[in-house]
Amino acid sequence: MTYQPGTWIVAVIGIALFLLIAGAMIILRNPANPVRFMKIHPPFFDRTTFFTKVREQPLKNDILFFLAITVLGGFILTIAAAASSINSGPLAIPEPRVIPLFIVGFIVPSIINGFFLLLVISLIEHFFVLFVIDTHPDKDRRFEKTMKTVIYASVLPIIFLWVPAVFHVAYSGLILLGSFLVLTFLGIIGFHAVTKDRAGFVTIFTGGVIVLLLMAGRVNFLGTLS
């Protein structure tokens, strides 16, 4: 059965509100969420306090944060894909009562892919981390710290993936990759307590491997139309 875009939009807005509220509750309950620190230390974000709190909290809190961000990013990507289709006319979609399943069909793969990439990128990054971190007691070589770095560095690319993936904005993918690398650089310094040059080494080589993997997979990370 075919429905006009209005029916689709109303149903999606309802699901969006539910997911956004649920995601916001998870994100804002994170002891290290940026919103809370902006309120504690106005008008600027206290990076030192942020890294201290995140470094001390259990990894499961960061995993829940990543899950919420991944669900939110997957939903935004779904909405963007639907919005890009509206211009072509009425949408041939399932009946409204099964729209939740339709949405879940997009979000669940996003979660699976998100956690798979989290593990892969964390392993790649940690490989280079082990090269630059010695066995000094002040240095933290634990894998979970690298995973924390990847989790928080991935926020912007996950939330704004729809820009290069759906609308193919020129070089938007490159900008998101750049934001990931900048946050990775800061995260390595904050979580592993290494110098800037060593953090730069890890960031550059991690970024290089990611670019090679994207090219090998023929992923159009520049966001331009092929």
Protein backbone atom coordinates (compact mmCIF):
# COMPACT_ATOMS: atom_id res chain seq x y z
CA MET A 1 0.00 0.00 0.00
CA THR A 2 1.22 3.51 -0.80
CA TYR A 3 1.02 6.36 1.71
CA GLN A 4 1.56 10.05 1.24
CA PRO A 5 4.70 11.54 2.84
CA GLY A 6 2.57 13.15 5.57
CA THR A 7 1.64 9.76 7.04
CA TRP A 8 5.28 8.71 7.06
CA ILE A 9 6.45 11.92 8.70
CA VAL A 10 3.86 11.79 11.52
CA ALA A 11 4.73 8.19 12.36
CA VAL A 12 8.46 8.86 12.22
CA ILE A 13 8.20 11.95 14.44
CA GLY A 14 6.53 9.87 17.14
CA ILE A 15 9.24 7.23 17.04
CA ALA A 16 11.91 9.94 16.87
CA LEU A 17 10.66 11.59 20.05
CA PHE A 18 10.73 8.27 21.91
CA LEU A 19 14.25 7.42 20.75
CA LEU A 20 15.59 10.91 21.33
CA ILE A 21 14.23 10.97 24.88
CA ALA A 22 15.60 7.49 25.62
CA GLY A 23 18.96 8.36 24.08
CA ALA A 24 19.15 11.67 25.91
CA MET A 25 18.51 9.94 29.25
CA ILE A 26 21.38 7.53 28.63
CA ILE A 27 23.73 10.23 27.38
CA LEU A 28 22.97 12.74 30.14
CA ARG A 29 23.31 10.09 32.85
CA ASN A 30 26.88 9.57 31.74
CA PRO A 31 28.98 11.18 34.53
CA ALA A 32 31.32 12.63 31.92
CA ASN A 33 28.81 14.08 29.51
CA PRO A 34 29.89 17.47 28.10
CA VAL A 35 26.57 19.18 28.92
CA ARG A 36 27.08 18.66 32.63
CA PHE A 37 30.62 19.98 32.56
CA MET A 38 29.59 23.03 30.56
CA LYS A 39 27.22 23.86 33.43
CA ILE A 40 29.87 23.25 36.08
CA HIS A 41 32.58 25.22 34.31
CA PRO A 42 30.90 27.94 32.23
CA PRO A 43 31.45 29.27 29.70
CA PHE A 44 34.19 26.88 28.55
CA PHE A 45 34.44 23.12 28.56
CA ASP A 46 36.90 21.78 31.16
CA ARG A 47 38.86 19.21 29.19
CA THR A 48 40.98 18.10 32.15
CA THR A 49 37.98 17.36 34.35
CA PHE A 50 36.24 15.58 31.50
CA PHE A 51 39.14 13.18 30.87
CA THR A 52 39.57 12.58 34.58
CA LYS A 53 35.94 11.58 35.04
CA VAL A 54 35.82 9.42 31.92
CA ARG A 55 39.11 7.76 32.78
CA GLU A 56 37.81 6.77 36.22
CA GLN A 57 34.32 5.61 35.28
CA PRO A 58 33.60 1.97 34.31
CA LEU A 59 33.83 1.09 30.63
CA LYS A 60 30.20 -0.04 30.64
CA ASN A 61 29.13 3.61 31.03
CA ASP A 62 31.05 4.53 27.89
CA ILE A 63 29.57 1.53 26.05
CA LEU A 64 26.05 2.70 26.95
CA PHE A 65 26.96 6.18 25.77
CA PHE A 66 28.22 4.74 22.47
CA LEU A 67 25.05 2.65 22.13
CA ALA A 68 22.88 5.74 22.57
CA ILE A 69 24.91 7.73 20.06
CA THR A 70 24.82 4.85 17.57
CA VAL A 71 21.04 4.49 17.85
CA LEU A 72 20.61 8.24 17.45
CA GLY A 73 22.97 8.31 14.46
CA GLY A 74 21.22 5.36 12.83
CA PHE A 75 17.84 6.98 13.28
CA ILE A 76 19.01 10.30 11.86
CA LEU A 77 20.48 8.43 8.90
CA THR A 78 17.12 6.69 8.36
CA ILE A 79 15.22 9.98 8.51
CA ALA A 80 17.66 11.60 6.09
CA ALA A 81 17.30 8.71 3.64
CA ALA A 82 13.50 8.97 3.86
CA ALA A 83 13.59 12.74 3.43
CA SER A 84 15.74 12.43 0.34
CA SER A 85 13.12 10.09 -1.16
CA ILE A 86 10.14 12.37 -0.54
CA ASN A 87 11.08 14.63 -3.44
CA SER A 88 10.42 11.78 -5.85
CA GLY A 89 6.75 11.56 -4.81
CA PRO A 90 4.64 9.32 -2.53
CA LEU A 91 6.56 6.65 -0.67
CA ALA A 92 5.71 2.98 -1.05
CA ILE A 93 6.17 1.84 2.55
CA PRO A 94 4.57 -0.67 4.93
CA GLU A 95 1.40 0.12 6.85
CA PRO A 96 1.83 2.51 9.79
CA ARG A 97 1.52 -0.27 12.39
CA VAL A 98 4.66 -1.95 11.10
CA ILE A 99 6.69 1.23 10.70
CA PRO A 100 8.48 0.60 14.03
CA LEU A 101 9.80 -2.66 12.59
CA PHE A 102 10.78 -0.77 9.46
CA ILE A 103 12.77 1.71 11.54
CA VAL A 104 14.36 -1.01 13.68
CA GLY A 105 15.47 -2.69 10.46
CA PHE A 106 17.64 0.35 9.82
CA ILE A 107 18.82 0.98 13.37
CA VAL A 108 19.83 -2.57 14.33
CA PRO A 109 22.37 -2.82 11.47
CA SER A 110 23.70 0.58 12.55
CA ILE A 111 24.30 -0.76 16.06
CA ILE A 112 25.97 -3.92 14.77
CA ASN A 113 28.16 -2.02 12.34
CA GLY A 114 28.93 0.61 14.97
CA PHE A 115 30.22 -1.87 17.53
CA PHE A 116 32.11 -3.84 14.89
CA LEU A 117 33.90 -0.68 13.74
CA LEU A 118 34.49 0.33 17.36
CA LEU A 119 36.34 -2.93 17.98
CA VAL A 120 38.30 -2.82 14.71
CA ILE A 121 39.40 0.81 15.03
CA SER A 122 40.23 0.33 18.72
CA LEU A 123 42.48 -2.63 17.85
CA ILE A 124 44.21 -0.67 15.09
CA GLU A 125 44.72 2.36 17.33
CA HIS A 126 45.92 0.30 20.28
CA PHE A 127 48.49 -1.41 18.08
CA PHE A 128 50.16 1.97 17.55
CA VAL A 129 49.57 3.03 21.17
CA LEU A 130 51.71 0.12 22.35
CA PHE A 131 54.58 1.48 20.25
CA VAL A 132 54.67 4.85 22.01
CA ILE A 133 53.76 4.00 25.61
CA ASP A 134 56.48 2.64 27.85
CA THR A 135 56.02 0.68 31.06
CA HIS A 136 56.23 3.74 33.29
CA PRO A 137 53.65 3.59 36.14
CA ASP A 138 52.17 6.92 35.08
CA LYS A 139 51.35 5.59 31.61
CA ASP A 140 48.16 3.65 30.99
CA ARG A 141 48.52 0.90 28.38
CA ARG A 142 45.10 -0.69 28.95
CA PHE A 143 43.00 -1.43 25.89
CA GLU A 144 39.87 -0.02 27.51
CA LYS A 145 41.45 3.45 27.51
CA THR A 146 41.98 3.21 23.78
CA MET A 147 38.39 2.10 23.35
CA LYS A 148 37.24 5.12 25.36
CA THR A 149 39.22 7.32 22.99
CA VAL A 150 37.55 5.80 19.94
CA ILE A 151 34.07 6.03 21.52
CA TYR A 152 34.23 9.76 22.14
CA ALA A 153 36.10 10.53 18.94
CA SER A 154 33.34 8.79 16.97
CA VAL A 155 30.48 10.98 18.19
CA LEU A 156 30.57 13.57 15.38
CA PRO A 157 31.13 11.06 12.53
CA ILE A 158 28.23 8.92 13.78
CA ILE A 159 25.79 11.79 14.25
CA PHE A 160 26.62 13.45 10.92
CA LEU A 161 27.18 10.34 8.79
CA TRP A 162 24.01 11.20 6.86
CA VAL A 163 25.68 14.25 5.31
CA PRO A 164 28.13 12.31 3.09
CA ALA A 165 26.16 9.04 2.98
CA VAL A 166 22.79 10.42 1.91
CA PHE A 167 23.25 13.92 0.51
CA HIS A 168 26.83 13.45 -0.76
CA VAL A 169 28.01 16.89 0.35
CA ALA A 170 31.45 17.42 -1.17
CA TYR A 171 34.33 16.58 1.18
CA SER A 172 31.98 16.19 4.15
CA GLY A 173 33.32 12.70 4.79
CA LEU A 174 36.85 14.09 4.86
CA ILE A 175 35.78 16.71 7.40
CA LEU A 176 34.22 14.04 9.63
CA LEU A 177 37.39 11.97 9.38
CA GLY A 178 39.36 15.05 10.36
CA SER A 179 37.15 15.64 13.39
CA PHE A 180 37.65 12.01 14.41
CA LEU A 181 41.42 12.36 14.21
CA VAL A 182 41.48 15.63 16.18
CA LEU A 183 39.40 14.09 18.97
CA THR A 184 41.56 10.96 18.80
CA PHE A 185 44.66 13.09 19.31
CA LEU A 186 43.13 14.74 22.37
CA GLY A 187 41.82 11.43 23.68
CA ILE A 188 45.18 9.69 23.48
CA ILE A 189 46.78 12.51 25.45
CA GLY A 190 43.97 12.57 27.99
CA PHE A 191 43.46 8.83 28.52
CA HIS A 192 46.99 7.47 28.00
CA ALA A 193 48.92 10.45 29.42
CA VAL A 194 51.44 10.64 26.59
CA THR A 195 53.17 13.61 24.99
CA LYS A 196 51.74 15.45 21.99
CA ASP A 197 54.32 14.07 19.57
CA ARG A 198 53.54 10.49 20.55
CA ALA A 199 49.82 11.14 20.37
CA GLY A 200 50.39 12.65 16.93
CA PHE A 201 52.23 9.50 15.83
CA VAL A 202 49.31 7.29 16.86
CA THR A 203 46.76 9.63 15.29
CA ILE A 204 48.53 9.90 11.94
CA PHE A 205 49.11 6.18 11.53
CA THR A 206 45.62 5.27 12.74
CA GLY A 207 44.15 7.76 10.26
CA GLY A 208 46.34 6.34 7.49
CA VAL A 209 45.11 2.81 8.11
CA ILE A 210 41.48 3.99 8.20
CA VAL A 211 41.91 5.78 4.86
CA LEU A 212 43.49 2.67 3.32
CA LEU A 213 40.60 0.52 4.56
CA LEU A 214 38.05 2.99 3.18
CA MET A 215 39.81 3.01 -0.18
CA ALA A 216 40.07 -0.79 -0.21
CA GLY A 217 36.34 -1.01 0.49
CA ARG A 218 35.63 1.57 -2.23
CA VAL A 219 33.92 3.78 0.36
CA ASN A 220 33.31 7.29 -0.99
CA PHE A 221 34.49 9.03 2.17
CA LEU A 222 34.90 12.36 0.39
CA GLY A 223 31.12 12.59 0.17
CA THR A 224 31.19 13.48 -3.51
CA LEU A 225 28.99 11.87 -6.11
CA SER A 226 30.72 9.02 -7.89
